[in-house]
C-alpha atoms as a PDB file:
ATOM      1  CA  UNK A   1     212.494 281.621 208.107  1.00  0.00           C
ATOM      2  CA  UNK A   2     213.466 285.148 209.188  1.00  0.00           C
ATOM      3  CA  UNK A   3     216.574 286.494 207.419  1.00  0.00           C
ATOM      4  CA  UNK A   4     218.321 286.888 210.788  1.00  0.00           C
ATOM      5  CA  UNK A   5     218.040 283.175 211.556  1.00  0.00           C
ATOM      6  CA  UNK A   6     219.582 280.067 210.040  1.00  0.00           C
ATOM      7  CA  UNK A   7     218.407 276.426 210.073  1.00  0.00           C
ATOM      8  CA  UNK A   8     220.598 273.715 211.551  1.00  0.00           C
ATOM      9  CA  UNK A   9     220.893 272.232 208.065  1.00  0.00           C
ATOM     10  CA  UNK A  10     223.333 275.062 207.322  1.00  0.00           C
ATOM     11  CA  UNK A  11     225.667 274.319 210.238  1.00  0.00           C
ATOM     12  CA  UNK A  12     228.198 272.654 207.959  1.00  0.00           C
ATOM     13  CA  UNK A  13     228.487 275.887 205.971  1.00  0.00           C
ATOM     14  CA  UNK A  14     230.408 277.384 208.905  1.00  0.00           C
ATOM     15  CA  UNK A  15     234.036 276.413 209.496  1.00  0.00           C
ATOM     16  CA  UNK A  16     233.595 276.016 213.240  1.00  0.00           C
ATOM     17  CA  UNK A  17     237.094 274.653 213.790  1.00  0.00           C
ATOM     18  CA  UNK A  18     238.510 277.965 212.562  1.00  0.00           C
ATOM     19  CA  UNK A  19     236.469 279.896 215.140  1.00  0.00           C
ATOM     20  CA  UNK A  20     237.358 280.368 218.785  1.00  0.00           C
ATOM     21  CA  UNK A  21     235.358 280.191 222.009  1.00  0.00           C
ATOM     22  CA  UNK A  22     236.382 280.178 225.670  1.00  0.00           C
ATOM     23  CA  UNK A  23     238.066 276.780 225.440  1.00  0.00           C
ATOM     24  CA  UNK A  24     239.666 277.012 222.009  1.00  0.00           C
ATOM     25  CA  UNK A  25     238.338 275.677 218.701  1.00  0.00           C
ATOM     26  CA  UNK A  26     234.555 275.845 218.387  1.00  0.00           C
ATOM     27  CA  UNK A  27     234.093 272.546 216.545  1.00  0.00           C
ATOM     28  CA  UNK A  28     231.875 271.264 219.388  1.00  0.00           C
ATOM     29  CA  UNK A  29     229.219 273.956 218.855  1.00  0.00           C
ATOM     30  CA  UNK A  30     227.213 272.174 216.098  1.00  0.00           C
ATOM     31  CA  UNK A  31     226.679 269.127 218.305  1.00  0.00           C
ATOM     32  CA  UNK A  32     225.574 271.351 221.179  1.00  0.00           C
ATOM     33  CA  UNK A  33     223.099 273.152 218.932  1.00  0.00           C
ATOM     34  CA  UNK A  34     221.649 269.835 217.740  1.00  0.00           C
ATOM     35  CA  UNK A  35     221.265 268.734 221.367  1.00  0.00           C
ATOM     36  CA  UNK A  36     219.462 271.970 222.235  1.00  0.00           C
ATOM     37  CA  UNK A  37     217.104 271.364 219.315  1.00  0.00           C
ATOM     38  CA  UNK A  38     216.436 267.895 220.745  1.00  0.00           C
ATOM     39  CA  UNK A  39     215.530 269.369 224.142  1.00  0.00           C
ATOM     40  CA  UNK A  40     218.763 268.581 225.997  1.00  0.00           C
ATOM     41  CA  UNK A  41     218.795 271.102 228.869  1.00  0.00           C
ATOM     42  CA  UNK A  42     222.434 270.426 229.686  1.00  0.00           C
ATOM     43  CA  UNK A  43     223.517 271.460 226.195  1.00  0.00           C
ATOM     44  CA  UNK A  44     222.355 275.011 226.809  1.00  0.00           C
ATOM     45  CA  UNK A  45     224.436 275.068 229.977  1.00  0.00           C
ATOM     46  CA  UNK A  46     227.444 273.996 227.898  1.00  0.00           C
ATOM     47  CA  UNK A  47     226.731 276.816 225.478  1.00  0.00           C
ATOM     48  CA  UNK A  48     226.841 279.298 228.351  1.00  0.00           C
ATOM     49  CA  UNK A  49     230.201 277.878 229.377  1.00  0.00           C
ATOM     50  CA  UNK A  50     231.973 278.121 226.039  1.00  0.00           C
ATOM     51  CA  UNK A  51     230.167 280.933 224.190  1.00  0.00           C
ATOM     52  CA  UNK A  52     229.276 283.228 227.119  1.00  0.00           C
ATOM     53  CA  UNK A  53     231.985 282.360 229.587  1.00  0.00           C
ATOM     54  CA  UNK A  54     231.546 284.375 232.789  1.00  0.00           C
ATOM     55  CA  UNK A  55     229.998 287.170 230.757  1.00  0.00           C
ATOM     56  CA  UNK A  56     232.483 287.173 227.867  1.00  0.00           C
ATOM     57  CA  UNK A  57     231.709 286.373 224.221  1.00  0.00           C
ATOM     58  CA  UNK A  58     233.834 285.144 221.348  1.00  0.00           C
ATOM     59  CA  UNK A  59     234.048 284.735 217.566  1.00  0.00           C
ATOM     60  CA  UNK A  60     231.934 281.609 217.663  1.00  0.00           C
ATOM     61  CA  UNK A  61     229.231 283.306 219.736  1.00  0.00           C
ATOM     62  CA  UNK A  62     228.228 285.591 216.892  1.00  0.00           C
ATOM     63  CA  UNK A  63     228.067 282.653 214.465  1.00  0.00           C
ATOM     64  CA  UNK A  64     225.904 280.612 216.833  1.00  0.00           C
ATOM     65  CA  UNK A  65     223.284 283.331 217.377  1.00  0.00           C
ATOM     66  CA  UNK A  66     221.470 282.963 214.005  1.00  0.00           C
ATOM     67  CA  UNK A  67     221.097 279.208 214.583  1.00  0.00           C
ATOM     68  CA  UNK A  68     219.683 279.832 218.057  1.00  0.00           C
ATOM     69  CA  UNK A  69     217.230 282.298 216.541  1.00  0.00           C
ATOM     70  CA  UNK A  70     216.104 279.471 214.291  1.00  0.00           C
ATOM     71  CA  UNK A  71     215.456 277.313 217.359  1.00  0.00           C
ATOM     72  CA  UNK A  72     213.318 279.861 219.196  1.00  0.00           C
ATOM     73  CA  UNK A  73     209.909 278.374 219.799  1.00  0.00           C
ATOM     74  CA  UNK A  74     206.764 279.797 221.317  1.00  0.00           C
ATOM     75  CA  UNK A  75     207.866 279.095 224.867  1.00  0.00           C
ATOM     76  CA  UNK A  76     211.641 278.909 225.082  1.00  0.00           C
ATOM     77  CA  UNK A  77     212.406 281.484 227.750  1.00  0.00           C
ATOM     78  CA  UNK A  78     215.790 279.861 228.441  1.00  0.00           C
ATOM     79  CA  UNK A  79     217.005 280.646 224.924  1.00  0.00           C
ATOM     80  CA  UNK A  80     215.727 284.207 225.235  1.00  0.00           C
ATOM     81  CA  UNK A  81     217.767 284.608 228.392  1.00  0.00           C
ATOM     82  CA  UNK A  82     220.868 283.205 226.658  1.00  0.00           C
ATOM     83  CA  UNK A  83     220.420 285.694 223.819  1.00  0.00           C
ATOM     84  CA  UNK A  84     220.053 288.541 226.313  1.00  0.00           C
ATOM     85  CA  UNK A  85     223.278 287.441 227.990  1.00  0.00           C
ATOM     86  CA  UNK A  86     225.064 287.282 224.638  1.00  0.00           C
ATOM     87  CA  UNK A  87     223.820 290.755 223.695  1.00  0.00           C
ATOM     88  CA  UNK A  88     225.408 292.272 226.785  1.00  0.00           C
ATOM     89  CA  UNK A  89     228.573 290.185 226.633  1.00  0.00           C
ATOM     90  CA  UNK A  90     232.062 291.588 227.088  1.00  0.00           C
ATOM     91  CA  UNK A  91     235.619 291.040 225.845  1.00  0.00           C
ATOM     92  CA  UNK A  92     237.675 288.655 227.984  1.00  0.00           C
ATOM     93  CA  UNK A  93     240.851 290.740 227.970  1.00  0.00           C
ATOM     94  CA  UNK A  94     238.976 294.028 228.339  1.00  0.00           C
ATOM     95  CA  UNK A  95     237.378 292.700 231.533  1.00  0.00           C
ATOM     96  CA  UNK A  96     240.516 291.038 232.893  1.00  0.00           C
ATOM     97  CA  UNK A  97     243.149 293.644 232.033  1.00  0.00           C
ATOM     98  CA  UNK A  98     242.960 295.078 235.567  1.00  0.00           C
ATOM     99  CA  UNK A  99     244.568 291.841 236.791  1.00  0.00           C
ATOM    100  CA  UNK A 100     247.481 291.987 234.345  1.00  0.00           C
ATOM    101  CA  UNK A 101     250.754 293.896 234.478  1.00  0.00           C
ATOM    102  CA  UNK A 102     250.147 297.526 233.353  1.00  0.00           C
ATOM    103  CA  UNK A 103     253.135 297.419 231.013  1.00  0.00           C
ATOM    104  CA  UNK A 104     251.744 294.295 229.372  1.00  0.00           C
ATOM    105  CA  UNK A 105     248.304 295.875 229.036  1.00  0.00           C
ATOM    106  CA  UNK A 106     249.710 298.933 227.257  1.00  0.00           C
ATOM    107  CA  UNK A 107     251.632 296.843 224.737  1.00  0.00           C
ATOM    108  CA  UNK A 108     250.296 297.148 221.156  1.00  0.00           C
ATOM    109  CA  UNK A 109     249.832 293.379 220.941  1.00  0.00           C
ATOM    110  CA  UNK A 110     247.587 293.341 224.031  1.00  0.00           C
ATOM    111  CA  UNK A 111     245.544 296.283 222.798  1.00  0.00           C
ATOM    112  CA  UNK A 112     245.163 294.602 219.405  1.00  0.00           C
ATOM    113  CA  UNK A 113     243.708 291.522 221.116  1.00  0.00           C
ATOM    114  CA  UNK A 114     241.206 293.696 223.001  1.00  0.00           C
ATOM    115  CA  UNK A 115     240.240 295.517 219.802  1.00  0.00           C
ATOM    116  CA  UNK A 116     239.632 292.208 218.024  1.00  0.00           C
ATOM    117  CA  UNK A 117     237.567 290.858 220.922  1.00  0.00           C
ATOM    118  CA  UNK A 118     235.500 294.045 221.120  1.00  0.00           C
ATOM    119  CA  UNK A 119     234.777 293.656 217.411  1.00  0.00           C
ATOM    120  CA  UNK A 120     233.205 290.274 218.116  1.00  0.00           C
ATOM    121  CA  UNK A 121     231.294 291.738 221.064  1.00  0.00           C
ATOM    122  CA  UNK A 122     229.715 294.242 218.652  1.00  0.00           C
ATOM    123  CA  UNK A 123     229.055 291.603 215.994  1.00  0.00           C
ATOM    124  CA  UNK A 124     227.387 289.332 218.554  1.00  0.00           C
ATOM    125  CA  UNK A 125     225.128 292.117 219.792  1.00  0.00           C
ATOM    126  CA  UNK A 126     224.221 293.000 216.211  1.00  0.00           C
ATOM    127  CA  UNK A 127     223.317 289.363 215.525  1.00  0.00           C
ATOM    128  CA  UNK A 128     220.975 289.315 218.529  1.00  0.00           C
ATOM    129  CA  UNK A 129     219.526 292.693 217.557  1.00  0.00           C
ATOM    130  CA  UNK A 130     218.759 291.382 214.069  1.00  0.00           C
ATOM    131  CA  UNK A 131     216.245 288.985 215.624  1.00  0.00           C
ATOM    132  CA  UNK A 132     213.937 291.726 216.944  1.00  0.00           C
ATOM    133  CA  UNK A 133     211.042 290.701 214.690  1.00  0.00           C
ATOM    134  CA  UNK A 134     211.422 287.121 215.934  1.00  0.00           C
ATOM    135  CA  UNK A 135     211.192 288.177 219.583  1.00  0.00           C
ATOM    136  CA  UNK A 136     208.218 290.490 219.070  1.00  0.00           C
ATOM    137  CA  UNK A 137     205.549 287.725 218.854  1.00  0.00           C
ATOM    138  CA  UNK A 138     206.996 286.180 222.016  1.00  0.00           C
ATOM    139  CA  UNK A 139     205.743 289.218 223.938  1.00  0.00           C
ATOM    140  CA  UNK A 140     202.330 287.616 223.319  1.00  0.00           C
ATOM    141  CA  UNK A 141     203.336 283.993 223.972  1.00  0.00           C
ATOM    142  CA  UNK A 142     200.972 281.746 225.907  1.00  0.00           C
ATOM    143  CA  UNK A 143     203.557 281.244 228.656  1.00  0.00           C
ATOM    144  CA  UNK A 144     203.784 284.369 230.868  1.00  0.00           C
ATOM    145  CA  UNK A 145     207.407 283.568 231.704  1.00  0.00           C
ATOM    146  CA  UNK A 146     208.268 283.768 228.017  1.00  0.00           C
ATOM    147  CA  UNK A 147     206.429 287.077 227.718  1.00  0.00           C
ATOM    148  CA  UNK A 148     208.416 288.460 230.629  1.00  0.00           C
ATOM    149  CA  UNK A 149     211.717 287.158 229.277  1.00  0.00           C
ATOM    150  CA  UNK A 150     211.024 288.659 225.850  1.00  0.00           C
ATOM    151  CA  UNK A 151     210.486 292.001 227.586  1.00  0.00           C
ATOM    152  CA  UNK A 152     213.810 291.556 229.350  1.00  0.00           C
ATOM    153  CA  UNK A 153     215.619 290.822 226.088  1.00  0.00           C
ATOM    154  CA  UNK A 154     214.220 294.021 224.599  1.00  0.00           C
ATOM    155  CA  UNK A 155     215.407 295.925 227.668  1.00  0.00           C
ATOM    156  CA  UNK A 156     218.931 294.621 227.014  1.00  0.00           C
ATOM    157  CA  UNK A 157     218.718 295.766 223.390  1.00  0.00           C
ATOM    158  CA  UNK A 158     217.310 299.067 224.629  1.00  0.00           C
ATOM    159  CA  UNK A 159     217.730 302.119 222.434  1.00  0.00           C
ATOM    160  CA  UNK A 160     219.469 300.077 219.754  1.00  0.00           C
ATOM    161  CA  UNK A 161     215.965 298.706 219.109  1.00  0.00           C
ATOM    162  CA  UNK A 162     213.748 301.816 219.468  1.00  0.00           C
ATOM    163  CA  UNK A 163     210.702 300.194 217.852  1.00  0.00           C
ATOM    164  CA  UNK A 164     210.448 297.834 220.827  1.00  0.00           C
ATOM    165  CA  UNK A 165     209.317 300.657 223.119  1.00  0.00           C
ATOM    166  CA  UNK A 166     205.930 300.717 221.428  1.00  0.00           C
ATOM    167  CA  UNK A 167     205.689 296.930 221.503  1.00  0.00           C
ATOM    168  CA  UNK A 168     206.356 296.911 225.238  1.00  0.00           C
ATOM    169  CA  UNK A 169     204.048 299.803 226.057  1.00  0.00           C
ATOM    170  CA  UNK A 170     201.232 298.224 224.071  1.00  0.00           C
ATOM    171  CA  UNK A 171     201.081 295.296 226.479  1.00  0.00           C
ATOM    172  CA  UNK A 172     201.213 297.004 229.859  1.00  0.00           C
ATOM    173  CA  UNK A 173     197.777 295.550 230.517  1.00  0.00           C
ATOM    174  CA  UNK A 174     199.097 291.971 230.369  1.00  0.00           C
ATOM    175  CA  UNK A 175     196.866 289.764 232.570  1.00  0.00           C
ATOM    176  CA  UNK A 176     199.903 288.269 234.308  1.00  0.00           C
ATOM    177  CA  UNK A 177     201.294 290.572 236.990  1.00  0.00           C
ATOM    178  CA  UNK A 178     204.930 289.511 236.509  1.00  0.00           C
ATOM    179  CA  UNK A 179     204.757 289.862 232.724  1.00  0.00           C
ATOM    180  CA  UNK A 180     203.309 293.359 232.918  1.00  0.00           C
ATOM    181  CA  UNK A 181     205.854 294.289 235.593  1.00  0.00           C
ATOM    182  CA  UNK A 182     208.607 293.045 233.269  1.00  0.00           C
ATOM    183  CA  UNK A 183     207.320 295.255 230.466  1.00  0.00           C
ATOM    184  CA  UNK A 184     207.108 298.258 232.766  1.00  0.00           C
ATOM    185  CA  UNK A 185     210.693 297.993 233.953  1.00  0.00           C
ATOM    186  CA  UNK A 186     212.018 297.153 230.486  1.00  0.00           C
ATOM    187  CA  UNK A 187     210.698 300.510 229.265  1.00  0.00           C
ATOM    188  CA  UNK A 188     213.243 302.291 231.466  1.00  0.00           C
ATOM    189  CA  UNK A 189     215.883 301.432 228.843  1.00  0.00           C
ATOM    190  CA  UNK A 190     214.088 303.425 226.137  1.00  0.00           C
ATOM    191  CA  UNK A 191     213.340 307.057 225.406  1.00  0.00           C
ATOM    192  CA  UNK A 192     210.333 308.324 227.402  1.00  0.00           C
ATOM    193  CA  UNK A 193     207.022 308.344 225.538  1.00  0.00           C
ATOM    194  CA  UNK A 194     204.019 310.363 226.686  1.00  0.00           C
ATOM    195  CA  UNK A 195     201.479 307.586 226.069  1.00  0.00           C
ATOM    196  CA  UNK A 196     203.644 305.072 227.918  1.00  0.00           C
ATOM    197  CA  UNK A 197     204.041 307.526 230.807  1.00  0.00           C
ATOM    198  CA  UNK A 198     200.269 307.712 231.147  1.00  0.00           C
ATOM    199  CA  UNK A 199     200.009 303.921 231.159  1.00  0.00           C
ATOM    200  CA  UNK A 200     202.731 303.673 233.789  1.00  0.00           C
ATOM    201  CA  UNK A 201     200.971 306.282 235.910  1.00  0.00           C
ATOM    202  CA  UNK A 202     197.862 304.102 235.768  1.00  0.00           C
ATOM    203  CA  UNK A 203     199.936 301.124 236.896  1.00  0.00           C
ATOM    204  CA  UNK A 204     200.672 302.930 240.156  1.00  0.00           C
ATOM    205  CA  UNK A 205     197.139 301.822 241.084  1.00  0.00           C
ATOM    206  CA  UNK A 206     197.774 298.201 240.072  1.00  0.00           C
ATOM    207  CA  UNK A 207     196.392 295.711 242.620  1.00  0.00           C
ATOM    208  CA  UNK A 208     199.727 293.853 242.615  1.00  0.00           C
ATOM    209  CA  UNK A 209     202.860 295.251 244.273  1.00  0.00           C
ATOM    210  CA  UNK A 210     205.442 294.219 241.659  1.00  0.00           C
ATOM    211  CA  UNK A 211     203.849 296.082 238.713  1.00  0.00           C
ATOM    212  CA  UNK A 212     203.397 299.151 240.927  1.00  0.00           C
ATOM    213  CA  UNK A 213     207.061 299.006 241.889  1.00  0.00           C
ATOM    214  CA  UNK A 214     208.483 298.568 238.389  1.00  0.00           C
ATOM    215  CA  UNK A 215     206.192 301.274 237.012  1.00  0.00           C
ATOM    216  CA  UNK A 216     207.417 303.618 239.741  1.00  0.00           C
ATOM    217  CA  UNK A 217     211.058 302.764 238.983  1.00  0.00           C
ATOM    218  CA  UNK A 218     210.632 303.547 235.294  1.00  0.00           C
ATOM    219  CA  UNK A 219     208.727 306.765 235.966  1.00  0.00           C
ATOM    220  CA  UNK A 220     211.499 307.859 238.335  1.00  0.00           C
ATOM    221  CA  UNK A 221     214.060 307.141 235.625  1.00  0.00           C
ATOM    222  CA  UNK A 222     212.055 308.930 232.923  1.00  0.00           C
ATOM    223  CA  UNK A 223     210.668 311.912 234.808  1.00  0.00           C
ATOM    224  CA  UNK A 224     213.144 312.499 237.605  1.00  0.00           C
ATOM    225  CA  UNK A 225     212.033 315.068 240.156  1.00  0.00           C
ATOM    226  CA  UNK A 226     208.823 315.625 238.174  1.00  0.00           C
ATOM    227  CA  UNK A 227     207.625 312.048 238.677  1.00  0.00           C
ATOM    228  CA  UNK A 228     205.271 312.962 241.498  1.00  0.00           C
ATOM    229  CA  UNK A 229     204.686 312.091 245.127  1.00  0.00           C
ATOM    230  CA  UNK A 230     203.010 308.747 244.441  1.00  0.00           C
ATOM    231  CA  UNK A 231     206.159 307.406 242.756  1.00  0.00           C
ATOM    232  CA  UNK A 232     208.231 308.349 245.796  1.00  0.00           C
ATOM    233  CA  UNK A 233     205.604 306.845 248.093  1.00  0.00           C
ATOM    234  CA  UNK A 234     205.616 303.478 246.334  1.00  0.00           C
ATOM    235  CA  UNK A 235     209.404 303.282 246.224  1.00  0.00           C
ATOM    236  CA  UNK A 236     209.714 304.087 249.919  1.00  0.00           C
ATOM    237  CA  UNK A 237     207.033 301.498 250.601  1.00  0.00           C
ATOM    238  CA  UNK A 238     209.090 298.931 248.694  1.00  0.00           C
ATOM    239  CA  UNK A 239     212.138 299.720 250.810  1.00  0.00           C
ATOM    240  CA  UNK A 240     210.080 299.035 253.914  1.00  0.00           C
ATOM    241  CA  UNK A 241     208.945 295.650 252.563  1.00  0.00           C
ATOM    242  CA  UNK A 242     210.938 292.856 254.263  1.00  0.00           C
ATOM    243  CA  UNK A 243     210.210 290.628 251.251  1.00  0.00           C
ATOM    244  CA  UNK A 244     211.659 293.050 248.693  1.00  0.00           C
ATOM    245  CA  UNK A 245     214.252 290.544 247.465  1.00  0.00           C
ATOM    246  CA  UNK A 246     211.618 287.854 246.958  1.00  0.00           C
ATOM    247  CA  UNK A 247     209.403 290.370 245.176  1.00  0.00           C
ATOM    248  CA  UNK A 248     212.144 291.216 242.665  1.00  0.00           C
ATOM    249  CA  UNK A 249     212.961 287.533 242.397  1.00  0.00           C
ATOM    250  CA  UNK A 250     209.644 286.974 240.618  1.00  0.00           C
ATOM    251  CA  UNK A 251     211.040 288.744 237.558  1.00  0.00           C
ATOM    252  CA  UNK A 252     212.065 286.045 235.092  1.00  0.00           C
ATOM    253  CA  UNK A 253     215.491 287.271 234.103  1.00  0.00           C
ATOM    254  CA  UNK A 254     219.096 286.681 234.955  1.00  0.00           C
ATOM    255  CA  UNK A 255     220.273 287.193 238.525  1.00  0.00           C
ATOM    256  CA  UNK A 256     223.116 289.384 237.282  1.00  0.00           C
ATOM    257  CA  UNK A 257     220.791 292.358 237.099  1.00  0.00           C
ATOM    258  CA  UNK A 258     221.102 295.060 239.789  1.00  0.00           C
ATOM    259  CA  UNK A 259     219.844 294.136 243.210  1.00  0.00           C
ATOM    260  CA  UNK A 260     216.589 295.859 244.192  1.00  0.00           C
ATOM    261  CA  UNK A 261     218.400 298.168 246.600  1.00  0.00           C
ATOM    262  CA  UNK A 262     220.633 299.375 243.755  1.00  0.00           C
ATOM    263  CA  UNK A 263     217.622 300.014 241.545  1.00  0.00           C
ATOM    264  CA  UNK A 264     215.952 301.981 244.332  1.00  0.00           C
ATOM    265  CA  UNK A 265     219.130 303.963 244.998  1.00  0.00           C
ATOM    266  CA  UNK A 266     219.293 304.918 241.317  1.00  0.00           C
ATOM    267  CA  UNK A 267     215.641 305.976 241.461  1.00  0.00           C
ATOM    268  CA  UNK A 268     216.352 308.102 244.543  1.00  0.00           C
ATOM    269  CA  UNK A 269     219.070 309.966 242.654  1.00  0.00           C
ATOM    270  CA  UNK A 270     216.755 310.524 239.694  1.00  0.00           C
ATOM    271  CA  UNK A 271     214.043 311.828 242.012  1.00  0.00           C
ATOM    272  CA  UNK A 272     216.593 314.095 243.750  1.00  0.00           C
ATOM    273  CA  UNK A 273     215.471 312.506 247.023  1.00  0.00           C
ATOM    274  CA  UNK A 274     218.738 310.884 248.113  1.00  0.00           C
ATOM    275  CA  UNK A 275     218.472 312.229 251.665  1.00  0.00           C
ATOM    276  CA  UNK A 276     214.959 310.902 252.179  1.00  0.00           C
ATOM    277  CA  UNK A 277     215.872 307.507 250.756  1.00  0.00           C
ATOM    278  CA  UNK A 278     219.090 307.365 252.784  1.00  0.00           C
ATOM    279  CA  UNK A 279     216.980 307.441 255.935  1.00  0.00           C
ATOM    280  CA  UNK A 280     214.790 304.662 254.551  1.00  0.00           C
ATOM    281  CA  UNK A 281     217.845 302.581 253.636  1.00  0.00           C
ATOM    282  CA  UNK A 282     219.238 303.064 257.143  1.00  0.00           C
ATOM    283  CA  UNK A 283     215.946 302.022 258.712  1.00  0.00           C
ATOM    284  CA  UNK A 284     215.897 298.924 256.493  1.00  0.00           C
ATOM    285  CA  UNK A 285     219.442 298.045 257.509  1.00  0.00           C
ATOM    286  CA  UNK A 286     218.604 298.423 261.190  1.00  0.00           C
ATOM    287  CA  UNK A 287     215.574 296.160 260.811  1.00  0.00           C
ATOM    288  CA  UNK A 288     217.484 293.423 259.021  1.00  0.00           C
ATOM    289  CA  UNK A 289     220.811 293.500 260.883  1.00  0.00           C
END
């Protein structure tokens, strides 16, 4: 077993009752992990609720990650998505402080709570990051949805996992259009690489629209105004597509990611073509309103 993962036989080595999650003591986590191992779909939903509650993570989250790494099989895209969510989790009080009294927020006790929670946010992300070598083979899984979700997880880890850029770029010829599109867009979270740029340029001629679009988005992010006219052309074409939302919806990751219009707006800024894209956005609005 990979050093980053732990078998369920070691669950009793963790004092779960001393750890906290969204609803208090985490002594229910071992049972949930056993249920996940047995294929209980509802147990994973419970794990979202108490260990990644509305985007926030806790002490117990970081302890659960190694056991979930041990449960990762060849086709468990749902667990990959959970790990991606955990890796980009936040501190409850850091997120919610805007709703509290400013004087209370500035109190040393409040700030100490935030600091402690942010520590566990970092520890949780590090625990997910430690599983990089476990996720790598899943980029080649039989199930294309798993391949796409593995690419998404690496995009969440981004530059904290620089070796993944080469792993992603090496599979841009994936036979499944959604999986190769997932790889192409995931690369936007890494440092630009010349070989990957060439592969993405080739994808602008892909017979499928989604890989063309995600390749264009990443090239816009990497190359900015130097990306070339074809990148701008494909992105404007996407804005004119009435099924743009459905097109993006093919990507196998969490719906919390930016809406396609937001991704295109970011690309427009990178391309220094905000005026041109503003007209296209207006035309889209007029067509759909």
